[in-house]
Amino acid sequence: MGKWKGIPHEEMPRCGAKTRSGGKCGHYSMPNGRCRYHGGKSTGAKNPRVKHGYYTKESIYFRKLVDQIVGESAELLVDIDELS
């Protein structure tokens, strides 16, 4: 399926970004001069570490809390085994 290049579309500016084959991208450009694939809005967070939330202060706090609870329960199990 080819791109339709008839009126009024033939007068619309094209992206012009370089493709892998060396040609120019033929998509219609936005006001910034590039198409939505080569110069559109951002699709993700600026800081990739925060993307999944693993390194947020809240999740670090909860992981430390779980580690502490697991450690204390392991100590309690050892104490229970010594009493029996």
Protein backbone atom coordinates (compact mmCIF):
# COMPACT_ATOMS: atom_id res chain seq x y z
CA MET A 1 0.00 0.00 0.00
CA GLY A 2 1.69 3.17 -1.17
CA LYS A 3 1.35 6.71 0.06
CA TRP A 4 -1.26 8.79 -1.72
CA LYS A 5 0.43 11.90 -3.08
CA GLY A 6 -2.43 13.87 -4.50
CA ILE A 7 -3.90 17.28 -3.80
CA PRO A 8 -3.91 18.66 -1.05
CA HIS A 9 -1.25 16.32 0.35
CA GLU A 10 1.44 16.97 -2.24
CA GLU A 11 2.03 20.47 -0.86
CA MET A 12 2.50 19.32 2.74
CA PRO A 13 6.14 19.36 3.93
CA ARG A 14 7.86 16.02 4.41
CA CYS A 15 10.02 14.82 7.28
CA GLY A 16 13.31 14.37 5.45
CA ALA A 17 15.04 12.31 8.16
CA LYS A 18 17.65 9.90 6.83
CA THR A 19 16.49 6.29 6.59
CA ARG A 20 18.62 3.16 6.94
CA SER A 21 18.68 2.77 3.19
CA GLY A 22 20.03 6.30 2.80
CA GLY A 23 16.87 7.90 1.45
CA LYS A 24 14.61 10.41 3.12
CA CYS A 25 11.61 9.66 5.30
CA GLY A 26 8.45 10.46 3.37
CA HIS A 27 6.01 10.97 6.23
CA TYR A 28 4.32 14.32 6.67
CA SER A 29 6.16 16.62 9.03
CA MET A 30 4.94 18.41 12.13
CA PRO A 31 5.68 22.08 12.85
CA ASN A 32 9.16 21.11 14.11
CA GLY A 33 10.08 19.73 10.67
CA ARG A 34 10.09 16.03 11.53
CA CYS A 35 7.40 13.36 11.46
CA ARG A 36 5.91 11.75 14.55
CA TYR A 37 8.45 8.93 14.34
CA HIS A 38 11.57 11.11 14.07
CA GLY A 39 10.78 14.07 16.28
CA GLY A 40 7.54 13.62 18.10
CA LYS A 41 6.70 13.84 21.75
CA SER A 42 8.61 11.82 24.32
CA THR A 43 7.27 8.35 25.06
CA GLY A 44 8.83 7.77 28.43
CA ALA A 45 10.37 9.09 31.59
CA LYS A 46 13.48 11.25 31.46
CA ASN A 47 15.11 9.12 34.16
CA PRO A 48 14.95 5.43 33.17
CA ARG A 49 15.70 4.30 36.74
CA VAL A 50 12.30 5.56 37.85
CA LYS A 51 10.46 3.92 34.96
CA HIS A 52 9.57 0.76 36.85
CA GLY A 53 9.70 2.18 40.38
CA TYR A 54 12.33 -0.23 41.73
CA TYR A 55 14.62 2.58 42.94
CA THR A 56 12.03 4.94 44.40
CA LYS A 57 12.45 5.86 48.06
CA GLU A 58 9.21 4.14 48.94
CA SER A 59 10.11 0.79 47.37
CA ILE A 60 13.62 0.85 48.89
CA TYR A 61 12.05 1.48 52.31
CA PHE A 62 9.62 -1.43 51.92
CA ARG A 63 12.35 -3.82 50.73
CA LYS A 64 14.45 -2.96 53.79
CA LEU A 65 11.42 -3.43 56.01
CA VAL A 66 10.68 -6.86 54.51
CA ASP A 67 14.34 -7.88 54.92
CA GLN A 68 14.19 -6.84 58.57
CA ILE A 69 10.98 -8.82 59.19
CA VAL A 70 12.40 -11.91 57.47
CA GLY A 71 15.58 -11.67 59.55
CA GLU A 72 13.66 -11.33 62.81
CA SER A 73 11.40 -14.26 61.93
CA ALA A 74 14.45 -16.41 61.15
CA GLU A 75 15.86 -15.57 64.60
CA LEU A 76 12.54 -16.50 66.21
CA LEU A 77 12.51 -19.84 64.40
CA VAL A 78 16.02 -20.58 65.68
CA ASP A 79 14.91 -19.73 69.23
CA ILE A 80 11.86 -22.00 68.90
CA ASP A 81 14.03 -24.89 67.65
CA GLU A 82 16.39 -24.43 70.63
CA LEU A 83 13.47 -24.61 73.08
CA SER A 84 12.12 -27.87 71.66
